[in-house]
Amino acid sequence: MTPVPTDWIEHRRGDNELIGWIVPEGEDFATIDLLGRRSEPVDWLSAEERLEELGIGYLAERYAYSETPDVWTRVKIIEVSPDGITVQEDDYGDAIGGVPLPSHRLDWPMPKELVLLADVAG
């Protein structure tokens, strides 16, 4: 696993699940979620609250991935770490298929080619 910078402070929820990092920025602190998205700096308590509110539920959302402009594929996140993000093309809930679906290994932090499905027009 790619180590995160030494000034990133892990933030874990009550069951010890990692939910992100708090990073010093001057006198304030930014948060970085598991997809590598960075927030605007706030005070320490607000940073903790922001990560607690965000949780990890966003990892279960459906996303869209684009290998080429204007062509989006519905995907779900199956693995995420600072080493990268792995998404798998969505089977739309088909538990019978049995055919392995294509997966894609993406850079971390979350690249612009990966967006929430709800944010893709059409």
PDB file of N, CA and C in Angstrom:
ATOM      1  N   MET A   1       0.839  -1.175   0.000  1.00  0.00           N
ATOM      2  CA  MET A   1       0.000   0.000   0.000  1.00  0.00           C
ATOM      3  C   MET A   1       0.887   1.242   0.000  1.00  0.00           C
ATOM      4  N   THR A   2       0.516   2.196  -0.823  1.00  0.00           N
ATOM      5  CA  THR A   2       1.236   3.450  -0.863  1.00  0.00           C
ATOM      6  C   THR A   2       1.033   4.180   0.456  1.00  0.00           C
ATOM      7  N   PRO A   3       2.125   4.552   1.117  1.00  0.00           N
ATOM      8  CA  PRO A   3       1.931   5.254   2.389  1.00  0.00           C
ATOM      9  C   PRO A   3       1.407   6.665   2.151  1.00  0.00           C
ATOM     10  N   VAL A   4       0.523   7.089   3.031  1.00  0.00           N
ATOM     11  CA  VAL A   4       0.039   8.465   2.972  1.00  0.00           C
ATOM     12  C   VAL A   4       1.101   9.342   3.629  1.00  0.00           C
ATOM     13  N   PRO A   5       1.106  10.622   3.336  1.00  0.00           N
ATOM     14  CA  PRO A   5       2.087  11.512   3.975  1.00  0.00           C
ATOM     15  C   PRO A   5       2.022  11.424   5.495  1.00  0.00           C
ATOM     16  N   THR A   6       3.148  11.622   6.120  1.00  0.00           N
ATOM     17  CA  THR A   6       3.230  11.450   7.572  1.00  0.00           C
ATOM     18  C   THR A   6       2.431  12.478   8.355  1.00  0.00           C
ATOM     19  N   ASP A   7       2.063  13.611   7.728  1.00  0.00           N
ATOM     20  CA  ASP A   7       1.278  14.607   8.468  1.00  0.00           C
ATOM     21  C   ASP A   7      -0.229  14.374   8.339  1.00  0.00           C
ATOM     22  N   TRP A   8      -0.645  13.332   7.619  1.00  0.00           N
ATOM     23  CA  TRP A   8      -2.061  12.976   7.536  1.00  0.00           C
ATOM     24  C   TRP A   8      -2.428  12.168   8.779  1.00  0.00           C
ATOM     25  N   ILE A   9      -3.451  12.590   9.465  1.00  0.00           N
ATOM     26  CA  ILE A   9      -3.876  11.928  10.696  1.00  0.00           C
ATOM     27  C   ILE A   9      -5.108  11.085  10.396  1.00  0.00           C
ATOM     28  N   GLU A  10      -4.989   9.770  10.595  1.00  0.00           N
ATOM     29  CA  GLU A  10      -6.127   8.879  10.357  1.00  0.00           C
ATOM     30  C   GLU A  10      -7.288   9.249  11.265  1.00  0.00           C
ATOM     31  N   HIS A  11      -8.494   9.165  10.716  1.00  0.00           N
ATOM     32  CA  HIS A  11      -9.690   9.353  11.532  1.00  0.00           C
ATOM     33  C   HIS A  11     -10.541   8.102  11.359  1.00  0.00           C
ATOM     34  N   ARG A  12     -10.876   7.474  12.461  1.00  0.00           N
ATOM     35  CA  ARG A  12     -11.635   6.218  12.440  1.00  0.00           C
ATOM     36  C   ARG A  12     -12.936   6.394  13.203  1.00  0.00           C
ATOM     37  N   ARG A  13     -13.946   5.670  12.750  1.00  0.00           N
ATOM     38  CA  ARG A  13     -15.217   5.720  13.466  1.00  0.00           C
ATOM     39  C   ARG A  13     -15.147   4.766  14.661  1.00  0.00           C
ATOM     40  N   GLY A  14     -16.231   4.668  15.423  1.00  0.00           N
ATOM     41  CA  GLY A  14     -16.265   3.889  16.658  1.00  0.00           C
ATOM     42  C   GLY A  14     -15.848   2.438  16.524  1.00  0.00           C
ATOM     43  N   ASP A  15     -16.111   1.809  15.370  1.00  0.00           N
ATOM     44  CA  ASP A  15     -15.736   0.400  15.188  1.00  0.00           C
ATOM     45  C   ASP A  15     -14.328   0.248  14.604  1.00  0.00           C
ATOM     46  N   ASN A  16     -13.565   1.324  14.612  1.00  0.00           N
ATOM     47  CA  ASN A  16     -12.179   1.375  14.148  1.00  0.00           C
ATOM     48  C   ASN A  16     -12.033   1.357  12.624  1.00  0.00           C
ATOM     49  N   GLU A  17     -13.124   1.509  11.899  1.00  0.00           N
ATOM     50  CA  GLU A  17     -13.077   1.588  10.430  1.00  0.00           C
ATOM     51  C   GLU A  17     -12.527   2.952  10.024  1.00  0.00           C
ATOM     52  N   LEU A  18     -11.511   2.952   9.171  1.00  0.00           N
ATOM     53  CA  LEU A  18     -10.943   4.193   8.661  1.00  0.00           C
ATOM     54  C   LEU A  18     -11.989   4.906   7.814  1.00  0.00           C
ATOM     55  N   ILE A  19     -12.214   6.201   8.095  1.00  0.00           N
ATOM     56  CA  ILE A  19     -13.171   6.968   7.290  1.00  0.00           C
ATOM     57  C   ILE A  19     -12.511   8.154   6.584  1.00  0.00           C
ATOM     58  N   GLY A  20     -11.229   8.365   6.831  1.00  0.00           N
ATOM     59  CA  GLY A  20     -10.530   9.435   6.142  1.00  0.00           C
ATOM     60  C   GLY A  20      -9.356   9.941   6.954  1.00  0.00           C
ATOM     61  N   TRP A  21      -8.850  11.078   6.525  1.00  0.00           N
ATOM     62  CA  TRP A  21      -7.693  11.678   7.157  1.00  0.00           C
ATOM     63  C   TRP A  21      -7.965  13.153   7.438  1.00  0.00           C
ATOM     64  N   ILE A  22      -7.305  13.652   8.470  1.00  0.00           N
ATOM     65  CA  ILE A  22      -7.326  15.080   8.782  1.00  0.00           C
ATOM     66  C   ILE A  22      -5.904  15.579   8.552  1.00  0.00           C
ATOM     67  N   VAL A  23      -5.805  16.671   7.791  1.00  0.00           N
ATOM     68  CA  VAL A  23      -4.512  17.165   7.344  1.00  0.00           C
ATOM     69  C   VAL A  23      -4.326  18.619   7.786  1.00  0.00           C
ATOM     70  N   PRO A  24      -3.226  18.913   8.484  1.00  0.00           N
ATOM     71  CA  PRO A  24      -2.971  20.298   8.878  1.00  0.00           C
ATOM     72  C   PRO A  24      -2.792  21.198   7.656  1.00  0.00           C
ATOM     73  N   GLU A  25      -3.435  22.356   7.712  1.00  0.00           N
ATOM     74  CA  GLU A  25      -3.275  23.387   6.683  1.00  0.00           C
ATOM     75  C   GLU A  25      -3.207  24.722   7.397  1.00  0.00           C
ATOM     76  N   GLY A  26      -1.995  25.164   7.639  1.00  0.00           N
ATOM     77  CA  GLY A  26      -1.817  26.388   8.414  1.00  0.00           C
ATOM     78  C   GLY A  26      -2.338  26.174   9.819  1.00  0.00           C
ATOM     79  N   GLU A  27      -3.230  27.059  10.236  1.00  0.00           N
ATOM     80  CA  GLU A  27      -3.822  26.958  11.575  1.00  0.00           C
ATOM     81  C   GLU A  27      -5.067  26.073  11.576  1.00  0.00           C
ATOM     82  N   ASP A  28      -5.522  25.639  10.399  1.00  0.00           N
ATOM     83  CA  ASP A  28      -6.741  24.849  10.266  1.00  0.00           C
ATOM     84  C   ASP A  28      -6.416  23.436   9.785  1.00  0.00           C
ATOM     85  N   PHE A  29      -7.492  22.696   9.433  1.00  0.00           N
ATOM     86  CA  PHE A  29      -7.343  21.300   9.025  1.00  0.00           C
ATOM     87  C   PHE A  29      -8.300  20.988   7.884  1.00  0.00           C
ATOM     88  N   ALA A  30      -7.783  20.339   6.857  1.00  0.00           N
ATOM     89  CA  ALA A  30      -8.622  19.857   5.763  1.00  0.00           C
ATOM     90  C   ALA A  30      -8.915  18.386   6.027  1.00  0.00           C
ATOM     91  N   THR A  31      -9.984  17.896   5.430  1.00  0.00           N
ATOM     92  CA  THR A  31     -10.267  16.466   5.504  1.00  0.00           C
ATOM     93  C   THR A  31     -10.052  15.863   4.123  1.00  0.00           C
ATOM     94  N   ILE A  32      -9.672  14.603   4.117  1.00  0.00           N
ATOM     95  CA  ILE A  32      -9.526  13.844   2.884  1.00  0.00           C
ATOM     96  C   ILE A  32     -10.306  12.553   3.083  1.00  0.00           C
ATOM     97  N   ASP A  33     -11.292  12.322   2.204  1.00  0.00           N
ATOM     98  CA  ASP A  33     -12.091  11.100   2.340  1.00  0.00           C
ATOM     99  C   ASP A  33     -11.354   9.935   1.685  1.00  0.00           C
ATOM    100  N   LEU A  34     -11.945   8.759   1.723  1.00  0.00           N
ATOM    101  CA  LEU A  34     -11.287   7.563   1.207  1.00  0.00           C
ATOM    102  C   LEU A  34     -11.060   7.590  -0.299  1.00  0.00           C
ATOM    103  N   LEU A  35     -11.794   8.441  -1.010  1.00  0.00           N
ATOM    104  CA  LEU A  35     -11.575   8.591  -2.446  1.00  0.00           C
ATOM    105  C   LEU A  35     -10.522   9.652  -2.748  1.00  0.00           C
ATOM    106  N   GLY A  36      -9.984  10.260  -1.702  1.00  0.00           N
ATOM    107  CA  GLY A  36      -8.933  11.250  -1.875  1.00  0.00           C
ATOM    108  C   GLY A  36      -9.424  12.659  -2.114  1.00  0.00           C
ATOM    109  N   ARG A  37     -10.715  12.896  -1.898  1.00  0.00           N
ATOM    110  CA  ARG A  37     -11.276  14.235  -2.103  1.00  0.00           C
ATOM    111  C   ARG A  37     -10.976  15.092  -0.878  1.00  0.00           C
ATOM    112  N   ARG A  38     -10.430  16.254  -1.136  1.00  0.00           N
ATOM    113  CA  ARG A  38      -9.988  17.162  -0.071  1.00  0.00           C
ATOM    114  C   ARG A  38     -11.028  18.262   0.153  1.00  0.00           C
ATOM    115  N   SER A  39     -11.259  18.591   1.428  1.00  0.00           N
ATOM    116  CA  SER A  39     -12.207  19.650   1.783  1.00  0.00           C
ATOM    117  C   SER A  39     -11.469  20.966   1.979  1.00  0.00           C
ATOM    118  N   GLU A  40     -12.252  22.001   2.145  1.00  0.00           N
ATOM    119  CA  GLU A  40     -11.702  23.300   2.534  1.00  0.00           C
ATOM    120  C   GLU A  40     -11.285  23.213   4.003  1.00  0.00           C
ATOM    121  N   PRO A  41     -10.266  23.958   4.396  1.00  0.00           N
ATOM    122  CA  PRO A  41      -9.810  23.927   5.791  1.00  0.00           C
ATOM    123  C   PRO A  41     -10.857  24.479   6.772  1.00  0.00           C
ATOM    124  N   VAL A  42     -10.928  23.831   7.912  1.00  0.00           N
ATOM    125  CA  VAL A  42     -11.814  24.234   9.012  1.00  0.00           C
ATOM    126  C   VAL A  42     -11.068  23.955  10.319  1.00  0.00           C
ATOM    127  N   ASP A  43     -11.692  24.253  11.442  1.00  0.00           N
ATOM    128  CA  ASP A  43     -11.056  23.925  12.719  1.00  0.00           C
ATOM    129  C   ASP A  43     -11.108  22.409  12.949  1.00  0.00           C
ATOM    130  N   TRP A  44     -10.342  21.937  13.921  1.00  0.00           N
ATOM    131  CA  TRP A  44     -10.206  20.492  14.169  1.00  0.00           C
ATOM    132  C   TRP A  44     -11.550  19.810  14.421  1.00  0.00           C
ATOM    133  N   LEU A  45     -12.362  20.363  15.317  1.00  0.00           N
ATOM    134  CA  LEU A  45     -13.640  19.719  15.642  1.00  0.00           C
ATOM    135  C   LEU A  45     -14.558  19.651  14.420  1.00  0.00           C
ATOM    136  N   SER A  46     -14.564  20.698  13.611  1.00  0.00           N
ATOM    137  CA  SER A  46     -15.380  20.688  12.394  1.00  0.00           C
ATOM    138  C   SER A  46     -14.868  19.645  11.407  1.00  0.00           C
ATOM    139  N   ALA A  47     -13.557  19.464  11.352  1.00  0.00           N
ATOM    140  CA  ALA A  47     -12.981  18.439  10.471  1.00  0.00           C
ATOM    141  C   ALA A  47     -13.427  17.045  10.918  1.00  0.00           C
ATOM    142  N   GLU A  48     -13.368  16.790  12.213  1.00  0.00           N
ATOM    143  CA  GLU A  48     -13.830  15.499  12.729  1.00  0.00           C
ATOM    144  C   GLU A  48     -15.312  15.291  12.418  1.00  0.00           C
ATOM    145  N   GLU A  49     -16.114  16.314  12.663  1.00  0.00           N
ATOM    146  CA  GLU A  49     -17.551  16.213  12.399  1.00  0.00           C
ATOM    147  C   GLU A  49     -17.827  15.963  10.923  1.00  0.00           C
ATOM    148  N   ARG A  50     -17.084  16.632  10.054  1.00  0.00           N
ATOM    149  CA  ARG A  50     -17.274  16.464   8.613  1.00  0.00           C
ATOM    150  C   ARG A  50     -17.044  15.009   8.204  1.00  0.00           C
ATOM    151  N   LEU A  51     -15.961  14.401   8.684  1.00  0.00           N
ATOM    152  CA  LEU A  51     -15.694  13.004   8.334  1.00  0.00           C
ATOM    153  C   LEU A  51     -16.733  12.064   8.945  1.00  0.00           C
ATOM    154  N   GLU A  52     -17.143  12.345  10.186  1.00  0.00           N
ATOM    155  CA  GLU A  52     -18.162  11.510  10.835  1.00  0.00           C
ATOM    156  C   GLU A  52     -19.477  11.561  10.055  1.00  0.00           C
ATOM    157  N   GLU A  53     -19.880  12.741   9.620  1.00  0.00           N
ATOM    158  CA  GLU A  53     -21.123  12.888   8.860  1.00  0.00           C
ATOM    159  C   GLU A  53     -21.029  12.215   7.501  1.00  0.00           C
ATOM    160  N   LEU A  54     -19.878  12.339   6.866  1.00  0.00           N
ATOM    161  CA  LEU A  54     -19.682  11.731   5.556  1.00  0.00           C
ATOM    162  C   LEU A  54     -19.684  10.210   5.646  1.00  0.00           C
ATOM    163  N   GLY A  55     -19.015   9.666   6.673  1.00  0.00           N
ATOM    164  CA  GLY A  55     -18.940   8.221   6.842  1.00  0.00           C
ATOM    165  C   GLY A  55     -18.299   7.549   5.645  1.00  0.00           C
ATOM    166  N   ILE A  56     -18.802   6.344   5.291  1.00  0.00           N
ATOM    167  CA  ILE A  56     -18.288   5.625   4.127  1.00  0.00           C
ATOM    168  C   ILE A  56     -19.410   5.181   3.194  1.00  0.00           C
ATOM    169  N   GLY A  57     -20.631   5.619   3.476  1.00  0.00           N
ATOM    170  CA  GLY A  57     -21.776   5.220   2.658  1.00  0.00           C
ATOM    171  C   GLY A  57     -21.636   5.590   1.197  1.00  0.00           C
ATOM    172  N   TYR A  58     -20.895   6.659   0.900  1.00  0.00           N
ATOM    173  CA  TYR A  58     -20.718   7.082  -0.491  1.00  0.00           C
ATOM    174  C   TYR A  58     -20.001   6.020  -1.317  1.00  0.00           C
ATOM    175  N   LEU A  59     -19.288   5.115  -0.671  1.00  0.00           N
ATOM    176  CA  LEU A  59     -18.612   4.044  -1.412  1.00  0.00           C
ATOM    177  C   LEU A  59     -19.605   3.049  -2.009  1.00  0.00           C
ATOM    178  N   ALA A  60     -20.801   2.975  -1.445  1.00  0.00           N
ATOM    179  CA  ALA A  60     -21.829   2.056  -1.948  1.00  0.00           C
ATOM    180  C   ALA A  60     -22.675   2.676  -3.062  1.00  0.00           C
ATOM    181  N   GLU A  61     -22.496   3.958  -3.312  1.00  0.00           N
ATOM    182  CA  GLU A  61     -23.248   4.628  -4.380  1.00  0.00           C
ATOM    183  C   GLU A  61     -22.862   4.049  -5.734  1.00  0.00           C
ATOM    184  N   ARG A  62     -23.694   4.290  -6.724  1.00  0.00           N
ATOM    185  CA  ARG A  62     -23.354   3.920  -8.096  1.00  0.00           C
ATOM    186  C   ARG A  62     -22.655   5.112  -8.741  1.00  0.00           C
ATOM    187  N   TYR A  63     -21.657   4.805  -9.505  1.00  0.00           N
ATOM    188  CA  TYR A  63     -20.846   5.813 -10.170  1.00  0.00           C
ATOM    189  C   TYR A  63     -20.883   5.565 -11.678  1.00  0.00           C
ATOM    190  N   ALA A  64     -20.368   6.527 -12.413  1.00  0.00           N
ATOM    191  CA  ALA A  64     -20.197   6.388 -13.854  1.00  0.00           C
ATOM    192  C   ALA A  64     -18.716   6.598 -14.153  1.00  0.00           C
ATOM    193  N   TYR A  65     -18.203   5.771 -15.050  1.00  0.00           N
ATOM    194  CA  TYR A  65     -16.804   5.830 -15.438  1.00  0.00           C
ATOM    195  C   TYR A  65     -16.730   6.044 -16.937  1.00  0.00           C
ATOM    196  N   SER A  66     -15.829   6.914 -17.348  1.00  0.00           N
ATOM    197  CA  SER A  66     -15.690   7.232 -18.759  1.00  0.00           C
ATOM    198  C   SER A  66     -14.256   7.001 -19.219  1.00  0.00           C
ATOM    199  N   GLU A  67     -14.078   6.031 -20.134  1.00  0.00           N
ATOM    200  CA  GLU A  67     -12.761   5.829 -20.729  1.00  0.00           C
ATOM    201  C   GLU A  67     -12.568   6.771 -21.916  1.00  0.00           C
ATOM    202  N   THR A  68     -13.676   7.178 -22.517  1.00  0.00           N
ATOM    203  CA  THR A  68     -13.637   8.114 -23.641  1.00  0.00           C
ATOM    204  C   THR A  68     -14.664   9.211 -23.381  1.00  0.00           C
ATOM    205  N   PRO A  69     -14.418  10.416 -23.866  1.00  0.00           N
ATOM    206  CA  PRO A  69     -15.364  11.511 -23.614  1.00  0.00           C
ATOM    207  C   PRO A  69     -16.786  11.171 -24.061  1.00  0.00           C
ATOM    208  N   ASP A  70     -17.736  11.528 -23.237  1.00  0.00           N
ATOM    209  CA  ASP A  70     -19.164  11.391 -23.528  1.00  0.00           C
ATOM    210  C   ASP A  70     -19.687   9.954 -23.583  1.00  0.00           C
ATOM    211  N   VAL A  71     -18.875   8.961 -23.227  1.00  0.00           N
ATOM    212  CA  VAL A  71     -19.350   7.577 -23.153  1.00  0.00           C
ATOM    213  C   VAL A  71     -19.132   7.111 -21.716  1.00  0.00           C
ATOM    214  N   TRP A  72     -20.233   6.951 -20.994  1.00  0.00           N
ATOM    215  CA  TRP A  72     -20.173   6.607 -19.580  1.00  0.00           C
ATOM    216  C   TRP A  72     -20.665   5.187 -19.354  1.00  0.00           C
ATOM    217  N   THR A  73     -20.016   4.489 -18.436  1.00  0.00           N
ATOM    218  CA  THR A  73     -20.407   3.140 -18.040  1.00  0.00           C
ATOM    219  C   THR A  73     -20.760   3.165 -16.569  1.00  0.00           C
ATOM    220  N   ARG A  74     -21.881   2.555 -16.219  1.00  0.00           N
ATOM    221  CA  ARG A  74     -22.309   2.470 -14.821  1.00  0.00           C
ATOM    222  C   ARG A  74     -21.400   1.477 -14.096  1.00  0.00           C
ATOM    223  N   VAL A  75     -20.837   1.924 -12.947  1.00  0.00           N
ATOM    224  CA  VAL A  75     -19.900   1.084 -12.190  1.00  0.00           C
ATOM    225  C   VAL A  75     -20.175   1.186 -10.697  1.00  0.00           C
ATOM    226  N   LYS A  76     -19.584   0.252  -9.971  1.00  0.00           N
ATOM    227  CA  LYS A  76     -19.593   0.307  -8.507  1.00  0.00           C
ATOM    228  C   LYS A  76     -18.152   0.171  -8.031  1.00  0.00           C
ATOM    229  N   ILE A  77     -17.860   0.807  -6.917  1.00  0.00           N
ATOM    230  CA  ILE A  77     -16.519   0.736  -6.342  1.00  0.00           C
ATOM    231  C   ILE A  77     -16.386  -0.584  -5.604  1.00  0.00           C
ATOM    232  N   ILE A  78     -15.314  -1.315  -5.907  1.00  0.00           N
ATOM    233  CA  ILE A  78     -15.104  -2.581  -5.209  1.00  0.00           C
ATOM    234  C   ILE A  78     -13.865  -2.563  -4.321  1.00  0.00           C
ATOM    235  N   GLU A  79     -12.983  -1.594  -4.536  1.00  0.00           N
ATOM    236  CA  GLU A  79     -11.805  -1.469  -3.681  1.00  0.00           C
ATOM    237  C   GLU A  79     -11.295  -0.039  -3.765  1.00  0.00           C
ATOM    238  N   VAL A  80     -10.843   0.478  -2.634  1.00  0.00           N
ATOM    239  CA  VAL A  80     -10.284   1.826  -2.618  1.00  0.00           C
ATOM    240  C   VAL A  80      -9.176   1.909  -1.575  1.00  0.00           C
ATOM    241  N   SER A  81      -8.072   2.517  -1.973  1.00  0.00           N
ATOM    242  CA  SER A  81      -6.952   2.785  -1.081  1.00  0.00           C
ATOM    243  C   SER A  81      -6.081   3.828  -1.770  1.00  0.00           C
ATOM    244  N   PRO A  82      -5.107   4.379  -1.062  1.00  0.00           N
ATOM    245  CA  PRO A  82      -4.205   5.312  -1.728  1.00  0.00           C
ATOM    246  C   PRO A  82      -3.419   4.684  -2.878  1.00  0.00           C
ATOM    247  N   ASP A  83      -3.455   3.362  -3.006  1.00  0.00           N
ATOM    248  CA  ASP A  83      -2.824   2.680  -4.148  1.00  0.00           C
ATOM    249  C   ASP A  83      -3.659   2.819  -5.412  1.00  0.00           C
ATOM    250  N   GLY A  84      -4.952   3.061  -5.270  1.00  0.00           N
ATOM    251  CA  GLY A  84      -5.831   3.192  -6.419  1.00  0.00           C
ATOM    252  C   GLY A  84      -7.264   2.827  -6.083  1.00  0.00           C
ATOM    253  N   ILE A  85      -8.120   3.021  -7.059  1.00  0.00           N
ATOM    254  CA  ILE A  85      -9.551   2.729  -6.922  1.00  0.00           C
ATOM    255  C   ILE A  85      -9.900   1.702  -7.980  1.00  0.00           C
ATOM    256  N   THR A  86     -10.538   0.613  -7.566  1.00  0.00           N
ATOM    257  CA  THR A  86     -10.990  -0.391  -8.518  1.00  0.00           C
ATOM    258  C   THR A  86     -12.504  -0.314  -8.610  1.00  0.00           C
ATOM    259  N   VAL A  87     -12.992  -0.178  -9.840  1.00  0.00           N
ATOM    260  CA  VAL A  87     -14.429  -0.169 -10.083  1.00  0.00           C
ATOM    261  C   VAL A  87     -14.763  -1.353 -10.982  1.00  0.00           C
ATOM    262  N   GLN A  88     -15.985  -1.826 -10.838  1.00  0.00           N
ATOM    263  CA  GLN A  88     -16.470  -2.937 -11.667  1.00  0.00           C
ATOM    264  C   GLN A  88     -17.743  -2.503 -12.363  1.00  0.00           C
ATOM    265  N   GLU A  89     -17.847  -2.850 -13.616  1.00  0.00           N
ATOM    266  CA  GLU A  89     -19.064  -2.509 -14.343  1.00  0.00           C
ATOM    267  C   GLU A  89     -20.251  -3.123 -13.630  1.00  0.00           C
ATOM    268  N   ASP A  90     -21.329  -2.384 -13.552  1.00  0.00           N
ATOM    269  CA  ASP A  90     -22.492  -2.758 -12.754  1.00  0.00           C
ATOM    270  C   ASP A  90     -23.318  -3.823 -13.462  1.00  0.00           C
ATOM    271  N   ASP A  91     -23.765  -4.809 -12.691  1.00  0.00           N
ATOM    272  CA  ASP A  91     -24.604  -5.875 -13.228  1.00  0.00           C
ATOM    273  C   ASP A  91     -26.089  -5.603 -13.014  1.00  0.00           C
ATOM    274  N   TYR A  92     -26.407  -4.390 -12.532  1.00  0.00           N
ATOM    275  CA  TYR A  92     -27.803  -3.981 -12.286  1.00  0.00           C
ATOM    276  C   TYR A  92     -28.531  -4.962 -11.372  1.00  0.00           C
ATOM    277  N   GLY A  93     -27.797  -5.568 -10.446  1.00  0.00           N
ATOM    278  CA  GLY A  93     -28.410  -6.464  -9.473  1.00  0.00           C
ATOM    279  C   GLY A  93     -28.612  -7.885  -9.955  1.00  0.00           C
ATOM    280  N   ASP A  94     -28.055  -8.251 -11.089  1.00  0.00           N
ATOM    281  CA  ASP A  94     -28.214  -9.602 -11.638  1.00  0.00           C
ATOM    282  C   ASP A  94     -27.313 -10.566 -10.873  1.00  0.00           C
ATOM    283  N   ALA A  95     -27.890 -11.325  -9.970  1.00  0.00           N
ATOM    284  CA  ALA A  95     -27.114 -12.260  -9.164  1.00  0.00           C
ATOM    285  C   ALA A  95     -26.944 -13.602  -9.853  1.00  0.00           C
ATOM    286  N   ILE A  96     -27.599 -13.819 -10.964  1.00  0.00           N
ATOM    287  CA  ILE A  96     -27.568 -15.116 -11.639  1.00  0.00           C
ATOM    288  C   ILE A  96     -26.510 -15.177 -12.733  1.00  0.00           C
ATOM    289  N   GLY A  97     -26.188 -14.039 -13.319  1.00  0.00           N
ATOM    290  CA  GLY A  97     -25.307 -13.957 -14.482  1.00  0.00           C
ATOM    291  C   GLY A  97     -24.111 -14.883 -14.483  1.00  0.00           C
ATOM    292  N   GLY A  98     -23.300 -14.865 -13.426  1.00  0.00           N
ATOM    293  CA  GLY A  98     -22.150 -15.740 -13.346  1.00  0.00           C
ATOM    294  C   GLY A  98     -20.996 -15.349 -14.257  1.00  0.00           C
ATOM    295  N   VAL A  99     -21.175 -14.364 -15.096  1.00  0.00           N
ATOM    296  CA  VAL A  99     -20.106 -13.925 -15.993  1.00  0.00           C
ATOM    297  C   VAL A  99     -19.340 -12.809 -15.299  1.00  0.00           C
ATOM    298  N   PRO A 100     -18.017 -12.971 -15.172  1.00  0.00           N
ATOM    299  CA  PRO A 100     -17.255 -11.886 -14.540  1.00  0.00           C
ATOM    300  C   PRO A 100     -17.383 -10.595 -15.344  1.00  0.00           C
ATOM    301  N   LEU A 101     -17.654  -9.533 -14.655  1.00  0.00           N
ATOM    302  CA  LEU A 101     -17.803  -8.247 -15.311  1.00  0.00           C
ATOM    303  C   LEU A 101     -16.461  -7.524 -15.368  1.00  0.00           C
ATOM    304  N   PRO A 102     -16.254  -6.723 -16.402  1.00  0.00           N
ATOM    305  CA  PRO A 102     -14.992  -5.989 -16.501  1.00  0.00           C
ATOM    306  C   PRO A 102     -14.796  -5.048 -15.318  1.00  0.00           C
ATOM    307  N   SER A 103     -13.554  -4.938 -14.896  1.00  0.00           N
ATOM    308  CA  SER A 103     -13.216  -3.982 -13.852  1.00  0.00           C
ATOM    309  C   SER A 103     -12.118  -3.063 -14.386  1.00  0.00           C
ATOM    310  N   HIS A 104     -11.971  -1.937 -13.722  1.00  0.00           N
ATOM    311  CA  HIS A 104     -11.012  -0.923 -14.145  1.00  0.00           C
ATOM    312  C   HIS A 104     -10.253  -0.439 -12.918  1.00  0.00           C
ATOM    313  N   ARG A 105      -8.956  -0.335 -13.037  1.00  0.00           N
ATOM    314  CA  ARG A 105      -8.125   0.189 -11.955  1.00  0.00           C
ATOM    315  C   ARG A 105      -7.837   1.651 -12.264  1.00  0.00           C
ATOM    316  N   LEU A 106      -8.203   2.534 -11.339  1.00  0.00           N
ATOM    317  CA  LEU A 106      -8.078   3.973 -11.534  1.00  0.00           C
ATOM    318  C   LEU A 106      -7.090   4.557 -10.532  1.00  0.00           C
ATOM    319  N   ASP A 107      -6.611   5.736 -10.856  1.00  0.00           N
ATOM    320  CA  ASP A 107      -5.712   6.443  -9.950  1.00  0.00           C
ATOM    321  C   ASP A 107      -6.453   6.928  -8.714  1.00  0.00           C
ATOM    322  N   TRP A 108      -5.704   7.173  -7.678  1.00  0.00           N
ATOM    323  CA  TRP A 108      -6.179   7.796  -6.457  1.00  0.00           C
ATOM    324  C   TRP A 108      -5.393   9.070  -6.302  1.00  0.00           C
ATOM    325  N   PRO A 109      -5.954  10.201  -5.981  1.00  0.00           N
ATOM    326  CA  PRO A 109      -7.355  10.417  -5.645  1.00  0.00           C
ATOM    327  C   PRO A 109      -8.276  10.232  -6.848  1.00  0.00           C
ATOM    328  N   MET A 110      -9.569  10.191  -6.551  1.00  0.00           N
ATOM    329  CA  MET A 110     -10.595   9.927  -7.551  1.00  0.00           C
ATOM    330  C   MET A 110     -10.387  10.809  -8.787  1.00  0.00           C
ATOM    331  N   PRO A 111     -10.210  10.187  -9.959  1.00  0.00           N
ATOM    332  CA  PRO A 111     -10.002  10.968 -11.180  1.00  0.00           C
ATOM    333  C   PRO A 111     -11.314  11.541 -11.717  1.00  0.00           C
ATOM    334  N   LYS A 112     -11.199  12.509 -12.599  1.00  0.00           N
ATOM    335  CA  LYS A 112     -12.393  13.159 -13.174  1.00  0.00           C
ATOM    336  C   LYS A 112     -13.198  12.202 -14.048  1.00  0.00           C
ATOM    337  N   GLU A 113     -12.623  11.072 -14.427  1.00  0.00           N
ATOM    338  CA  GLU A 113     -13.337  10.078 -15.242  1.00  0.00           C
ATOM    339  C   GLU A 113     -14.299   9.233 -14.418  1.00  0.00           C
ATOM    340  N   LEU A 114     -14.335   9.448 -13.113  1.00  0.00           N
ATOM    341  CA  LEU A 114     -15.234   8.736 -12.217  1.00  0.00           C
ATOM    342  C   LEU A 114     -16.102   9.775 -11.513  1.00  0.00           C
ATOM    343  N   VAL A 115     -17.410   9.683 -11.705  1.00  0.00           N
ATOM    344  CA  VAL A 115     -18.341  10.635 -11.099  1.00  0.00           C
ATOM    345  C   VAL A 115     -19.546   9.871 -10.562  1.00  0.00           C
ATOM    346  N   LEU A 116     -20.272  10.506  -9.674  1.00  0.00           N
ATOM    347  CA  LEU A 116     -21.535   9.909  -9.213  1.00  0.00           C
ATOM    348  C   LEU A 116     -22.452   9.727 -10.415  1.00  0.00           C
ATOM    349  N   LEU A 117     -23.113   8.598 -10.484  1.00  0.00           N
ATOM    350  CA  LEU A 117     -24.017   8.316 -11.593  1.00  0.00           C
ATOM    351  C   LEU A 117     -25.068   9.410 -11.728  1.00  0.00           C
ATOM    352  N   ALA A 118     -25.556   9.935 -10.620  1.00  0.00           N
ATOM    353  CA  ALA A 118     -26.577  10.964 -10.636  1.00  0.00           C
ATOM    354  C   ALA A 118     -26.080  12.267 -11.297  1.00  0.00           C
ATOM    355  N   ASP A 119     -24.769  12.428 -11.385  1.00  0.00           N
ATOM    356  CA  ASP A 119     -24.206  13.635 -11.979  1.00  0.00           C
ATOM    357  C   ASP A 119     -24.003  13.551 -13.493  1.00  0.00           C
ATOM    358  N   VAL A 120     -24.304  12.391 -14.072  1.00  0.00           N
ATOM    359  CA  VAL A 120     -24.147  12.212 -15.513  1.00  0.00           C
ATOM    360  C   VAL A 120     -25.487  12.479 -16.184  1.00  0.00           C
ATOM    361  N   ALA A 121     -25.494  13.407 -17.102  1.00  0.00           N
ATOM    362  CA  ALA A 121     -26.746  13.727 -17.805  1.00  0.00           C
ATOM    363  C   ALA A 121     -27.149  12.543 -18.674  1.00  0.00           C
ATOM    364  N   GLY A 122     -28.449  12.247 -18.673  1.00  0.00           N
ATOM    365  CA  GLY A 122     -28.951  11.176 -19.535  1.00  0.00           C
ATOM    366  C   GLY A 122     -28.806   9.882 -18.864  1.00  0.00           C
TER     367      GLY A 122
END
